[in-house]
Protein backbone atom coordinates (compact mmCIF):
# COMPACT_ATOMS: atom_id res chain seq x y z
CA MET A 1 -17.81 -9.89 4.88
CA ASN A 2 -16.37 -11.97 7.75
CA ASP A 3 -15.04 -11.12 11.01
CA LYS A 4 -11.00 -11.22 10.27
CA SER A 5 -9.08 -9.02 12.48
CA PHE A 6 -7.34 -6.04 10.79
CA GLU A 7 -3.82 -7.71 12.09
CA ASP A 8 -4.81 -10.66 10.26
CA VAL A 9 -5.68 -9.32 7.26
CA LEU A 10 -2.51 -6.72 7.22
CA ALA A 11 -0.25 -9.76 8.00
CA SER A 12 -1.48 -11.98 4.95
CA VAL A 13 -1.71 -9.16 2.34
CA GLU A 14 2.20 -7.92 3.46
CA ALA A 15 3.28 -11.55 3.29
CA ALA A 16 1.87 -11.74 -0.24
CA ALA A 17 2.63 -8.74 -1.75
CA LEU A 18 6.20 -8.58 -0.28
CA THR A 19 6.68 -12.17 -1.51
CA ASN A 20 5.26 -11.46 -5.17
CA ILE A 21 6.98 -8.12 -6.31
CA ASP A 22 6.18 -9.19 -10.02
CA GLU A 23 2.76 -8.21 -8.89
CA LEU A 24 3.06 -5.28 -7.57
CA THR A 25 3.65 -3.45 -11.16
CA SER A 26 2.43 -3.60 -14.42
CA ASP A 27 5.77 -3.27 -15.95
CA ARG A 28 7.44 -6.89 -17.34
CA ILE A 29 10.07 -6.90 -14.50
CA GLU A 30 10.23 -10.85 -15.34
CA ALA A 31 11.28 -9.98 -18.95
CA LEU A 32 13.88 -7.52 -17.78
CA ALA A 33 15.26 -10.53 -16.09
CA GLY A 34 16.10 -11.58 -19.44
CA GLY A 35 17.18 -8.36 -21.41
CA HIS A 36 14.24 -8.23 -23.11
CA GLY A 37 13.45 -4.60 -24.20
CA MET A 38 15.68 -3.16 -21.48
CA VAL A 39 18.96 -4.19 -19.49
CA ASN A 40 19.00 -2.03 -17.01
CA LEU A 41 19.32 -4.72 -14.27
CA SER A 42 22.76 -5.44 -15.38
CA LEU A 43 23.83 -2.16 -13.98
CA PHE A 44 23.06 -3.83 -10.60
CA THR A 45 24.68 -7.01 -10.99
CA ILE A 46 28.10 -5.00 -12.44
CA THR A 47 27.97 -2.99 -9.31
CA ASN A 48 27.34 -5.51 -7.05
CA VAL A 49 30.79 -7.46 -8.67
CA ILE A 50 32.89 -3.98 -8.43
CA THR A 51 31.63 -3.63 -5.14
CA GLU A 52 32.45 -6.41 -3.59
CA GLU A 53 35.78 -6.36 -5.19
CA LEU A 54 36.79 -3.32 -3.83
CA LEU A 55 35.48 -4.02 -0.16
CA ARG A 56 37.52 -7.21 -0.10
CA GLY A 57 40.79 -5.11 -0.72
CA GLY A 58 40.56 -5.10 -4.67
CA SER A 59 41.62 -2.33 -7.09
CA VAL A 60 40.31 -1.10 -10.64
CA GLU A 61 43.89 0.54 -11.14
CA VAL A 62 44.49 -0.16 -15.15
CA LYS A 63 48.25 -0.05 -15.02
CA PHE A 64 50.91 0.74 -17.88
CA ALA A 65 52.48 -2.58 -17.56
CA ASN A 66 54.57 -4.80 -19.39
CA ALA A 67 52.10 -7.87 -18.68
CA ARG A 68 49.97 -9.83 -20.54
CA SER A 69 47.05 -9.15 -18.37
CA LEU A 70 46.39 -7.17 -15.15
CA PRO A 71 44.54 -8.21 -11.79
CA VAL A 72 41.91 -5.94 -13.25
CA ASP A 73 41.35 -7.69 -16.22
CA GLU A 74 39.81 -10.64 -14.35
CA LEU A 75 37.18 -8.48 -12.19
CA MET A 76 36.45 -6.74 -15.77
CA ALA A 77 35.55 -10.26 -16.76
CA LYS A 78 33.59 -11.40 -14.15
CA ALA A 79 31.71 -8.06 -14.32
CA ILE A 80 31.03 -8.62 -18.10
CA GLN A 81 29.83 -12.49 -17.79
CA GLY A 82 27.43 -11.24 -14.81
CA ALA A 83 26.07 -8.48 -17.08
CA LYS A 84 25.44 -11.35 -19.99
CA ALA A 85 23.79 -13.37 -17.50
CA SER A 86 21.41 -10.85 -16.54
CA GLY A 87 20.19 -10.09 -20.23
CA CYS A 88 23.05 -8.29 -21.77
CA ASP A 89 24.56 -9.52 -25.27
CA SER A 90 28.42 -8.89 -25.01
CA ALA A 91 28.82 -5.80 -26.85
CA ASN A 92 26.10 -4.24 -24.16
CA ALA A 93 27.97 -5.79 -21.27
CA ALA A 94 31.06 -4.50 -22.71
CA LEU A 95 29.73 -0.78 -22.82
CA LEU A 96 28.26 -0.87 -19.37
CA THR A 97 31.03 -2.76 -17.87
CA ALA A 98 33.47 -0.21 -18.82
CA SER A 99 31.49 2.72 -18.24
CA ILE A 100 30.94 1.84 -14.84
CA MET A 101 34.59 0.74 -13.98
CA TYR A 102 35.45 4.12 -14.92
CA LEU A 103 32.90 5.60 -12.64
CA ALA A 104 34.34 3.33 -9.63
CA GLY A 105 37.99 4.68 -10.44
CA ALA A 106 39.53 3.12 -13.46
CA ARG A 107 41.36 5.29 -15.65
CA ALA A 108 39.98 5.60 -19.24
CA GLN A 109 43.56 5.26 -21.25
CA VAL A 110 47.14 4.65 -19.46
CA GLY A 111 50.19 4.45 -21.24
CA ILE A 112 51.89 4.54 -24.98
CA PRO A 113 52.45 3.10 -27.38
CA ALA A 114 53.32 -0.59 -26.07
CA GLY A 115 51.45 -1.70 -23.05
CA ASN A 116 49.00 1.06 -23.50
CA ARG A 117 45.61 -0.11 -22.44
CA LYS A 118 42.39 1.45 -22.89
CA LEU A 119 39.08 0.55 -20.68
CA GLY A 120 37.04 0.36 -23.55
CA ALA A 121 39.27 -1.99 -25.60
CA THR A 122 40.04 -3.85 -23.05
CA ALA A 123 36.24 -4.60 -21.95
CA ARG A 124 35.58 -5.27 -25.84
CA MET A 125 38.26 -7.68 -26.25
CA LEU A 126 37.07 -9.31 -22.93
CA ALA A 127 33.79 -9.55 -24.02
CA GLY A 128 35.00 -11.18 -27.43
CA VAL A 129 33.07 -8.50 -29.68
CA ASP A 130 34.21 -6.95 -32.94
CA ARG A 131 35.00 -3.13 -32.90
CA CYS A 132 32.67 -1.11 -34.54
CA GLY A 133 33.02 2.26 -35.79
CA VAL A 134 31.38 5.35 -34.00
CA SER A 135 29.28 6.01 -37.42
CA ALA A 136 27.10 2.63 -35.82
CA VAL A 137 26.76 3.55 -32.55
CA PRO A 138 23.30 4.92 -31.43
CA THR A 139 21.74 7.22 -28.94
CA SER A 140 19.52 5.89 -26.50
CA LYS A 141 15.56 5.84 -27.62
CA MET A 142 14.69 9.30 -26.82
CA ASN A 143 11.19 8.36 -28.74
CA SER A 144 13.40 8.19 -31.97
CA LYS A 145 17.11 7.97 -32.03
CA VAL A 146 19.80 8.86 -34.14
CA SER A 147 23.31 7.51 -34.26
CA GLY A 148 27.16 8.85 -34.55
CA PHE A 149 26.72 9.08 -38.04
CA ALA A 150 25.74 12.69 -37.98
CA ALA A 151 29.02 13.25 -36.05
CA VAL A 152 31.19 11.26 -38.29
CA GLN A 153 29.67 12.55 -41.31
CA ALA A 154 30.29 16.25 -40.20
CA ILE A 155 33.50 15.85 -38.91
CA TYR A 156 34.75 14.17 -42.34
CA ARG A 157 33.32 17.15 -44.51
CA ALA A 158 34.92 19.72 -42.37
CA MET A 159 38.21 17.22 -43.35
CA GLU A 160 37.51 17.47 -46.33
CA ASN A 161 36.72 21.49 -46.42
CA ASN A 162 40.10 21.99 -44.61
CA GLU A 163 38.10 23.59 -41.65
CA LEU A 164 39.87 20.93 -39.06
CA SER A 165 43.24 21.21 -39.23
CA PRO A 166 45.51 24.72 -39.15
CA ILE A 167 48.27 22.78 -41.23
CA ASN A 168 47.50 21.03 -44.44
CA GLY A 169 48.91 17.69 -44.65
CA VAL A 170 50.17 18.51 -48.10
CA ASN A 171 52.44 20.91 -46.57
CA ILE A 172 54.18 18.88 -44.31
CA PRO A 173 57.69 17.64 -45.53
CA ARG A 174 58.34 14.10 -46.56
CA GLY A 175 59.35 11.69 -43.90
CA VAL A 176 57.84 13.93 -41.28
CA ALA A 177 55.88 10.99 -39.37
CA GLY A 178 56.29 8.91 -36.25
CA VAL A 179 58.16 10.77 -33.12
CA LEU A 180 58.92 13.82 -35.43
CA TYR A 181 55.12 14.40 -35.63
CA GLY A 182 53.38 12.07 -32.60
CA HIS A 183 54.99 13.46 -29.77
CA SER A 184 56.40 16.96 -30.60
CA ALA A 185 55.66 20.41 -31.44
CA LEU A 186 54.05 19.71 -34.66
CA GLY A 187 51.35 17.68 -33.68
CA GLU A 188 51.13 18.18 -29.72
CA ASP A 189 51.24 22.21 -30.36
CA TYR A 190 49.88 23.06 -33.62
CA ILE A 191 47.55 20.18 -35.30
CA TRP A 192 46.39 18.56 -32.79
CA PRO A 193 44.98 21.25 -30.45
CA ASP A 194 42.97 22.86 -33.09
CA VAL A 195 41.64 19.02 -34.43
CA ALA A 196 40.59 18.39 -30.83
CA LYS A 197 38.68 21.49 -30.51
CA ASN A 198 37.18 21.72 -33.89
CA GLY A 199 36.19 18.52 -34.40
CA ALA A 200 34.71 17.81 -31.05
CA ARG A 201 32.74 21.04 -31.85
CA ILE A 202 31.62 20.18 -35.40
CA GLY A 203 30.70 16.58 -34.12
CA THR A 204 28.47 17.57 -31.23
CA GLN A 205 26.77 20.10 -33.06
CA ALA A 206 25.70 17.41 -35.74
CA MET A 207 24.61 15.24 -33.20
CA LEU A 208 22.15 18.08 -31.74
CA ASP A 209 21.03 19.10 -35.18
CA ALA A 210 20.33 15.54 -35.88
CA MET A 211 18.20 14.80 -33.11
CA HIS A 212 16.41 18.39 -33.65
CA GLY A 213 15.97 17.48 -37.23
CA THR A 214 14.49 14.14 -36.45
CA GLY A 215 11.72 15.76 -34.01
CA ILE A 216 13.61 14.77 -30.78
CA ALA A 217 14.19 17.94 -28.15
CA GLY A 218 17.39 16.17 -27.64
CA ASN A 219 20.11 15.24 -25.22
CA ALA A 220 23.20 17.32 -24.85
CA PHE A 221 25.41 14.62 -22.85
CA GLN A 222 24.82 11.60 -25.21
CA ALA A 223 25.41 14.53 -28.63
CA ALA A 224 28.65 15.53 -26.44
CA VAL A 225 30.05 12.04 -25.89
CA LEU A 226 29.41 10.80 -29.44
CA GLY A 227 30.70 13.84 -31.02
CA ALA A 228 34.05 13.53 -28.74
CA ALA A 229 34.07 9.67 -29.94
CA ALA A 230 33.73 10.48 -33.27
CA ILE A 231 37.15 12.88 -33.29
CA LEU A 232 38.63 10.37 -31.06
CA GLU A 233 38.49 8.08 -33.87
CA ILE A 234 40.47 10.10 -35.83
CA ILE A 235 42.75 12.16 -33.57
CA HIS A 236 45.61 10.52 -31.82
CA PRO A 237 43.86 10.46 -28.28
CA ASP A 238 47.19 9.82 -25.97
CA ALA A 239 49.11 13.13 -27.28
CA GLU A 240 50.01 15.80 -24.92
CA VAL A 241 48.61 19.26 -24.99
CA PRO A 242 50.40 22.68 -24.89
CA GLU A 243 51.30 23.67 -21.49
CA SER A 244 48.84 26.32 -21.88
CA GLU A 245 45.82 23.82 -22.02
CA GLY A 246 47.23 21.50 -19.34
CA THR A 247 49.39 19.52 -16.95
CA TYR A 248 52.19 17.94 -19.07
CA GLY A 249 52.04 13.98 -18.56
CA ARG A 250 48.21 14.18 -16.87
CA THR A 251 46.71 16.14 -20.01
CA SER A 252 45.94 14.30 -23.15
CA SER A 253 44.16 15.18 -26.39
CA ALA A 254 40.76 13.54 -24.77
CA TYR A 255 40.57 16.22 -22.61
CA LEU A 256 40.41 18.97 -24.91
CA VAL A 257 38.29 16.87 -26.92
CA GLY A 258 35.93 16.71 -23.67
CA LYS A 259 36.06 20.07 -22.86
CA SER A 260 34.81 21.24 -26.63
CA ALA A 261 32.29 18.80 -26.59
CA ALA A 262 30.77 19.60 -23.24
CA GLU A 263 31.08 23.71 -23.89
CA THR A 264 29.17 23.39 -27.42
CA ALA A 265 26.62 21.01 -25.73
CA GLY A 266 25.73 23.56 -23.05
CA LEU A 267 26.82 21.38 -20.17
CA PRO A 268 27.64 22.62 -16.59
CA LYS A 269 31.53 22.59 -15.92
CA LYS A 270 31.07 20.75 -12.92
CA LEU A 271 29.28 17.27 -12.26
CA HIS A 272 27.86 16.13 -8.55
CA MET A 273 27.38 12.48 -7.83
CA ARG A 274 24.17 12.27 -5.76
CA VAL A 275 24.65 10.88 -2.31
CA THR A 276 28.35 11.47 -1.97
CA ASN A 277 28.56 14.95 -3.18
CA GLU A 278 31.85 13.94 -5.32
CA GLU A 279 32.82 16.47 -7.68
CA TYR A 280 33.51 15.87 -11.51
CA ASP A 281 35.13 17.52 -14.01
CA THR A 282 33.00 17.56 -17.02
CA ALA A 283 35.61 17.79 -19.79
CA GLN A 284 37.56 15.22 -18.48
CA LEU A 285 34.30 12.75 -18.10
CA VAL A 286 33.01 13.59 -21.67
CA GLY A 287 36.30 13.18 -23.28
CA ASP A 288 36.82 9.79 -21.45
CA ILE A 289 33.37 8.52 -21.98
CA GLY A 290 34.01 9.48 -25.72
CA LEU A 291 36.67 7.48 -25.81
CA ILE A 292 35.53 4.15 -24.28
CA LEU A 293 32.82 4.74 -26.78
CA LYS A 294 34.81 4.71 -30.07
CA ASP A 295 36.71 1.54 -28.48
CA VAL A 296 34.27 -0.76 -26.84
CA GLY A 297 32.26 -1.93 -29.92
CA GLY A 298 29.11 -2.03 -31.21
CA PRO A 299 25.82 -1.49 -28.56
CA SER A 300 22.43 -1.53 -29.32
CA VAL A 301 20.06 1.00 -28.52
CA VAL A 302 18.68 -1.06 -25.17
CA GLY A 303 22.33 -1.02 -24.23
CA MET A 304 22.25 2.43 -24.88
CA MET A 305 19.41 3.18 -22.82
CA ALA A 306 21.26 1.25 -20.19
CA PHE A 307 24.31 3.59 -20.76
CA VAL A 308 22.26 6.83 -20.10
CA GLU A 309 20.97 5.40 -16.90
CA ILE A 310 24.20 5.03 -15.37
CA PHE A 311 24.89 8.79 -15.53
CA SER A 312 21.69 9.49 -14.14
CA CYS A 313 23.61 8.97 -11.05
CA PHE A 314 24.66 12.93 -11.54
CA LYS A 315 22.63 15.77 -9.63
CA GLU A 316 22.81 17.93 -12.59
CA ARG A 317 20.33 15.38 -14.61
CA LEU A 318 22.49 14.70 -17.75
CA CYS A 319 20.37 11.97 -19.10
CA GLY A 320 18.56 8.86 -18.11
CA GLY A 321 15.18 8.35 -16.87
CA SER A 322 15.36 7.35 -13.29
CA GLY A 323 17.03 10.58 -12.03
CA SER A 324 13.84 12.26 -13.43
CA PRO A 325 11.06 13.90 -11.23
CA HIS A 326 8.53 11.88 -12.23
CA ASN A 327 8.91 8.07 -11.80
CA SER A 328 9.78 6.15 -15.09
CA PRO A 329 8.64 2.55 -16.14
CA LEU A 330 11.03 0.19 -14.52
CA GLY A 331 13.36 -0.70 -17.17
CA HIS A 332 14.63 2.74 -16.28
CA MET A 333 14.93 2.61 -12.22
CA SER A 334 18.66 2.33 -11.74
CA CYS A 335 20.33 5.75 -10.98
CA TYR A 336 20.88 5.22 -7.45
CA VAL A 337 23.68 1.85 -8.17
CA ILE A 338 26.58 4.22 -9.03
CA PRO A 339 26.43 6.44 -5.56
CA ALA A 340 25.46 3.09 -3.48
CA MET A 341 28.87 1.41 -5.03
CA ARG A 342 30.73 4.59 -4.72
CA ALA A 343 29.70 5.28 -0.82
CA LEU A 344 30.05 1.48 -0.19
CA ALA A 345 33.58 1.71 -1.87
CA ALA A 346 34.81 4.45 0.45
CA GLY A 347 33.91 2.47 3.76
CA GLY A 348 30.36 4.20 4.36
CA ASP A 349 27.85 2.43 6.66
CA PRO A 350 25.33 0.56 4.34
CA GLU A 351 22.22 2.05 6.93
CA GLU A 352 23.55 5.72 6.48
CA ILE A 353 23.91 5.27 3.13
CA GLY A 354 20.62 3.77 2.51
CA ALA A 355 18.84 6.24 4.54
CA LYS A 356 20.98 9.33 2.10
CA ILE A 357 19.37 7.23 -0.93
CA VAL A 358 15.59 7.66 0.77
CA GLU A 359 16.20 10.75 1.67
CA ASP A 360 17.46 12.23 -2.08
CA ARG A 361 15.31 10.37 -3.97
CA ARG A 362 11.80 11.33 -1.61
CA GLY A 363 13.13 14.98 -2.06
CA ASP A 364 13.86 14.95 -5.63
CA THR A 365 10.39 13.69 -6.85
CA VAL A 366 6.69 14.50 -7.60
CA ASN A 367 5.47 11.35 -6.00
CA PRO A 368 7.46 9.84 -3.47
CA ASP A 369 5.59 6.96 -2.22
CA SER A 370 6.11 5.11 -5.86
CA SER A 371 9.57 6.36 -6.07
CA ILE A 372 10.74 4.57 -3.09
CA LEU A 373 8.40 1.44 -4.15
CA SER A 374 10.09 1.46 -7.59
CA ILE A 375 13.70 1.54 -6.21
CA TYR A 376 12.51 -1.96 -4.17
CA ILE A 377 10.80 -3.67 -6.69
CA VAL A 378 13.91 -3.31 -9.44
CA SER A 379 16.60 -3.88 -6.25
CA ARG A 380 14.32 -7.25 -5.42
CA LYS A 381 14.36 -8.25 -9.24
CA ALA A 382 17.86 -7.37 -9.35
CA SER A 383 18.93 -9.48 -6.56
CA GLU A 384 17.48 -12.61 -7.98
CA LEU A 385 19.89 -12.32 -10.60
CA ARG A 386 22.80 -11.82 -8.48
CA ASN A 387 22.83 -10.51 -4.85
CA GLY A 388 25.03 -8.41 -3.61
CA PRO A 389 25.99 -5.11 -1.27
CA VAL A 390 24.69 -2.71 -3.42
CA THR A 391 21.22 -4.49 -3.91
CA ARG A 392 21.16 -5.54 -0.27
CA LEU A 393 21.63 -2.03 0.24
CA LEU A 394 18.74 -0.57 -1.76
CA MET A 395 16.57 -3.46 -0.75
CA GLN A 396 16.92 -2.86 2.87
CA ALA A 397 16.84 1.01 2.79
CA THR A 398 13.42 1.08 1.10
CA LEU A 399 11.85 -1.88 2.69
CA PRO A 400 10.24 0.28 5.80
CA LEU A 401 9.00 2.56 3.58
CA VAL A 402 7.03 -0.06 1.52
CA ALA A 403 5.67 -1.66 4.49
CA ARG A 404 4.37 1.36 5.53
CA THR A 405 2.61 2.23 2.05
CA ILE A 406 1.23 -1.55 2.41
CA SER A 407 -0.07 -1.07 6.03
CA ASP A 408 -1.48 2.38 5.58
CA GLN A 409 -3.27 1.02 2.71
CA VAL A 410 -4.61 -2.07 4.12
CA ARG A 411 -6.17 0.25 7.19
CA LEU A 412 -7.88 2.62 4.45
CA THR A 413 -9.22 -0.20 2.71
CA TYR A 414 -9.86 -2.76 5.88
CA ASP A 415 -11.90 0.21 7.46
CA SER A 416 -13.98 2.02 4.37
CA LEU A 417 -15.25 -1.82 3.57
CA LYS A 418 -16.06 -2.30 6.68
CA ALA A 419 -17.74 0.93 6.67
CA GLY A 420 -20.07 -0.25 3.86
CA LYS A 421 -18.09 1.59 0.91
CA THR A 422 -17.59 -0.51 -2.30
CA LEU A 423 -14.54 -1.49 -3.49
CA GLY A 424 -14.52 0.61 -6.27
CA GLU A 425 -14.64 3.72 -4.24
CA VAL A 426 -12.10 2.68 -2.05
CA VAL A 427 -10.04 2.67 -5.22
CA LYS A 428 -11.25 5.99 -6.70
CA GLU A 429 -10.46 7.26 -3.22
CA LEU A 430 -6.49 5.85 -3.66
CA ASP A 431 -6.20 6.97 -7.18
CA ASP A 432 -7.61 10.60 -5.81
CA MET A 433 -4.92 10.68 -3.48
CA ARG A 434 -2.47 9.83 -5.83
CA VAL A 435 -3.33 12.75 -7.96
CA ALA A 436 -3.35 14.81 -4.87
CA ALA A 437 -0.07 13.86 -3.93
CA VAL A 438 1.38 14.48 -7.23
CA GLU A 439 -0.36 17.90 -7.27
CA LYS A 440 1.43 18.70 -3.73
CA TYR A 441 5.16 17.02 -4.58
CA SER A 442 5.14 18.71 -7.79
CA GLY A 443 4.69 22.50 -6.08
CA ILE A 444 7.00 21.44 -3.56
CA TRP A 445 9.67 20.26 -6.04
CA TRP A 446 9.42 23.57 -8.02
CA GLU A 447 9.78 25.82 -5.01
CA LYS A 448 12.87 23.92 -4.02
CA GLN A 449 14.19 24.61 -7.41
CA THR A 450 13.27 28.21 -8.39
CA GLY A 451 11.91 29.44 -5.25
CA GLU A 452 8.59 30.31 -6.87
CA LYS A 453 5.44 29.39 -5.50
CA VAL A 454 3.56 26.96 -7.91
CA THR A 455 0.18 25.45 -7.62
CA ILE A 456 -0.90 22.54 -10.21
CA LYS A 457 -4.63 21.29 -10.02
CA PHE A 458 -5.67 18.69 -12.75
CA THR A 459 -9.51 19.23 -13.27
CA LYS A 460 -10.05 16.93 -15.75
CA ILE A 461 -8.46 13.21 -16.29
CA ALA A 462 -9.98 11.00 -19.12
CA ASN A 463 -9.40 7.98 -21.74
CA ALA A 464 -9.67 8.43 -25.31
CA ALA A 465 -9.13 11.87 -26.38
CA ARG A 466 -8.43 11.71 -29.91
CA ARG A 467 -9.01 7.92 -30.65
CA ASN A 468 -11.86 5.62 -30.32
CA SER A 469 -10.24 1.88 -30.20
CA LYS A 470 -10.78 -0.43 -27.33
CA LEU A 471 -7.72 -0.04 -26.21
CA VAL A 472 -7.40 3.83 -25.80
CA LYS A 473 -11.05 3.60 -24.29
CA LYS A 474 -10.00 1.30 -21.33
CA TYR A 475 -6.38 2.73 -20.49
CA LEU A 476 -5.51 6.36 -19.98
CA ALA A 477 -1.86 6.30 -20.93
CA PHE A 478 -2.46 5.72 -24.65
CA ASP A 479 -4.44 8.58 -25.51
CA PRO A 480 -4.82 10.50 -22.33
CA LEU A 481 -7.36 13.72 -22.14
CA ILE A 482 -5.58 15.56 -19.43
CA ASN A 483 -7.06 19.05 -18.59
CA VAL A 484 -4.45 21.10 -16.20
CA ASP A 485 -4.32 24.51 -14.49
CA ILE A 486 -1.12 25.71 -13.28
CA THR A 487 -0.38 29.04 -11.12
CA VAL A 488 3.42 30.48 -10.91
CA ASN A 489 3.34 33.31 -8.50
CA GLU A 490 0.75 35.91 -9.89
CA LYS A 491 0.79 33.93 -13.16
CA HIS A 492 -2.20 31.59 -14.21
CA VAL A 493 -2.84 29.45 -17.41
CA CYS A 494 -5.62 26.76 -17.69
CA PHE A 495 -4.39 24.03 -20.17
CA GLU A 496 -7.72 21.91 -21.93
CA HIS A 497 -6.44 18.61 -23.70
CA PHE A 498 -2.72 19.39 -22.71
CA VAL A 499 -1.25 16.08 -24.02
CA ASP A 500 -3.10 15.75 -27.34
CA ASP A 501 -3.70 19.64 -28.61
CA VAL A 502 -1.62 21.67 -26.90
CA LEU A 503 1.84 20.10 -27.05
CA PRO A 504 1.69 19.80 -30.56
CA LYS A 505 0.69 22.85 -30.76
CA VAL A 506 2.89 24.55 -28.90
CA SER A 507 5.75 22.38 -30.79
CA MET A 508 4.52 24.08 -34.03
CA GLY A 509 4.74 27.67 -33.00
CA GLN A 510 1.18 28.34 -31.51
CA TYR A 511 0.12 29.06 -28.27
CA GLN A 512 3.25 30.79 -27.44
CA ASP A 513 1.98 33.25 -24.83
CA LYS A 514 1.32 30.13 -22.49
CA ALA A 515 4.61 28.04 -23.68
CA TRP A 516 6.29 29.00 -20.72
CA ALA A 517 3.97 27.03 -18.21
CA ILE A 518 4.36 23.91 -19.90
CA PRO A 519 7.92 22.79 -18.43
CA TYR A 520 6.39 22.76 -15.18
CA LEU A 521 3.63 20.42 -15.99
CA THR A 522 6.19 17.57 -17.67
CA SER A 523 7.08 15.92 -14.78
CA PRO A 524 3.43 15.86 -13.04
CA VAL A 525 1.76 14.55 -16.22
CA SER A 526 4.06 12.00 -17.12
CA ASP A 527 4.15 10.83 -13.68
CA LEU A 528 0.53 10.05 -13.77
CA LEU A 529 0.83 8.63 -17.39
CA LEU A 530 3.52 6.41 -16.20
CA SER A 531 1.79 4.80 -12.98
CA GLY A 532 1.58 1.40 -14.34
CA CYS A 533 5.31 1.15 -12.67
CA ASN A 534 3.09 1.03 -9.06
CA ILE A 535 0.15 -0.87 -8.88
CA LEU A 536 -0.87 -0.94 -5.16
CA ASN A 537 -3.80 1.15 -5.58
CA VAL A 538 -5.55 -1.90 -7.15
CA VAL A 539 -3.12 -4.70 -5.71
CA ILE A 540 -4.11 -3.94 -1.79
CA PRO A 541 -7.54 -3.06 -1.85
CA VAL A 542 -8.42 -6.18 -3.92
CA SER A 543 -6.35 -8.26 -1.80
CA VAL A 544 -8.01 -7.16 1.50
CA ALA A 545 -11.61 -7.44 -0.17
CA ALA A 546 -10.79 -11.35 -0.84
CA ILE A 547 -9.64 -11.97 2.54
CA LEU A 548 -13.17 -10.11 3.94
CA ASP A 549 -14.99 -12.15 1.54
CA TYR A 550 -16.22 -9.12 -0.23
CA ALA A 551 -15.99 -10.77 -3.90
CA GLU A 552 -13.88 -13.45 -5.54
CA PRO A 553 -10.45 -12.41 -6.48
CA ALA A 554 -11.40 -11.87 -10.29
CA GLU A 555 -14.62 -10.58 -9.40
CA ALA A 556 -13.05 -7.78 -7.18
CA ALA A 557 -10.06 -7.42 -9.54
CA ALA A 558 -12.30 -6.46 -12.32
CA GLU A 559 -14.25 -3.88 -10.26
CA ALA A 560 -11.03 -2.44 -8.98
CA GLU A 561 -9.61 -2.26 -12.41
CA LYS A 562 -12.44 -0.13 -13.46
CA ALA A 563 -12.04 2.20 -10.81
CA ALA A 564 -8.33 3.06 -11.05
CA TYR A 565 -8.65 5.32 -13.45
CA ILE A 566 -4.77 6.66 -12.98
CA THR A 567 -2.96 3.44 -11.55
CA ALA A 568 -4.72 1.12 -14.55
CA GLY A 569 -3.23 3.12 -16.93
CA ILE A 570 -1.40 0.54 -19.01
CA PRO A 571 -3.04 -3.34 -19.11
CA GLY A 572 -1.58 -5.68 -16.88
CA PRO A 573 -3.54 -5.10 -13.20
CA LYS A 574 -6.15 -7.22 -13.72
CA ALA A 575 -4.41 -10.18 -13.88
CA SER A 576 -1.64 -9.40 -11.24
CA VAL A 577 -4.25 -8.18 -8.82
CA THR A 578 -6.11 -11.59 -9.25
CA ARG A 579 -3.12 -13.46 -8.61
CA LEU A 580 -1.49 -12.01 -5.57
CA SER A 581 -5.16 -11.63 -4.19
CA LYS A 582 -5.33 -15.37 -4.05
CA ILE A 583 -2.07 -15.69 -2.88
CA ALA A 584 -3.05 -13.23 0.20
CA LEU A 585 -6.46 -15.30 0.45
CA THR A 586 -4.40 -18.85 0.82
CA VAL A 587 -2.36 -17.18 3.16
CA SER A 588 -5.17 -15.49 5.37
CA LYS A 589 -6.79 -19.13 5.38
CA ALA A 590 -3.42 -21.03 6.66
CA MET A 591 -3.39 -18.28 9.73
CA ALA A 592 -7.18 -19.06 10.39
């Protein structure tokens, strides 16, 4: 090895790593920029557009005006075009824009009847897409997925069986319609309250049943908003409600729908925004989002995957992967764009907001270092599509910790190689440290959530638990053999073959005496199996080794990938590491 100083090596490695962020992950983030597989980068674009407008003194207000267009239409059109340029098709751009506009403060519906404006319908028209029935709107992918057809079918069956309305239409006198029905006692006091409550309950429960029947654990929020959307296709969504149910002029049938759907799904009554701590009425949110969904057009499953990430902005973890304790693939990571947008629009200081975001994420994950790198990488990639106040805030907030992590790994690798360790030994040590960190922070996370003392220890992590193909023998994530012990207070359980044997058997009714312990383990196991979001443990050591003349980049990358039993869990590290280490080596030679 040569006599390069630590400072020279660090400068070269950091320059290469922080310039070439695509090589810091095995996730295909360049493909994300084209919308292939996921469209979460569009969420950054939309929030950038809206935040810029609000910081300039603009407004997201949707008015009941006798006008062909409103100023807000121009803002929405700009956001939709930005989303399309960031990988969305038109229907997905309309859905994501309308949903984020709502969380930015726009009302879901204004006015009756002429001049009536609905946020979802406006976004659909601006995007130039056709309307689509709720029956064709899918859930996001939850390994499998279902569609709003389940809710629509159940509601129509209830209608046919006279289970929805307290008054059968056959008994309504001839000529009683329009104003005699729509904004009078008959509709608002007698028929629609029951139709709203019964329809939302039936539709939401049908969505939950459909999910469960498909072998999906299900998602209560998606069941509620699609159940709400299905009945809002039928009921008068602008109708007032009885005085016992809300304030005249402020509470519509959509609220009753949202309340019934949320209660059926078991959602909390109040929701709280990450970072800003703003409180939301769940019933209002569910009803309004249901209204948007029934009007906005036909999103795809990919669009709905980004849709649920929007609502990961709430502390209550309604849905989405990016707000989970474990670190998900980078196609999910976007839960802080909404809190950043709202905090900036309220006049907050970007540095203070950024510090709160970092604190919130580091304190709410089983792997803090990966969580911050994930935000940094995705924000950087999103900034290539459209920079703005949200992406700048997230990049600047996370960069110091990313730089520190890189520096620490360069130091460990430099010292270890100089002391005579092999590169494989260094990489294995870093992956051992990664496992230990997940064990440690999982215990901390659970103690914060429950007050219980939780200790988790992985006793075996290996490949090819049940298959023999070359792929599973090489990469952990496709067929992992996980043995893990867990202690919660005084209760102790040892699991062997946790993923391939225990989980299927518990799901089929076996091992019920141990089933209580499984929820404690899902996040730490998931984080390790999804470690491809962060491949610093191979990128940094190989780059250092190349600069020190330990081996040629390709040779060093092969050695490191073989040793990285966690970090090299999916295909991709060897190629990325080789490319980045060559850049680091070029930088180092230029500095000589």
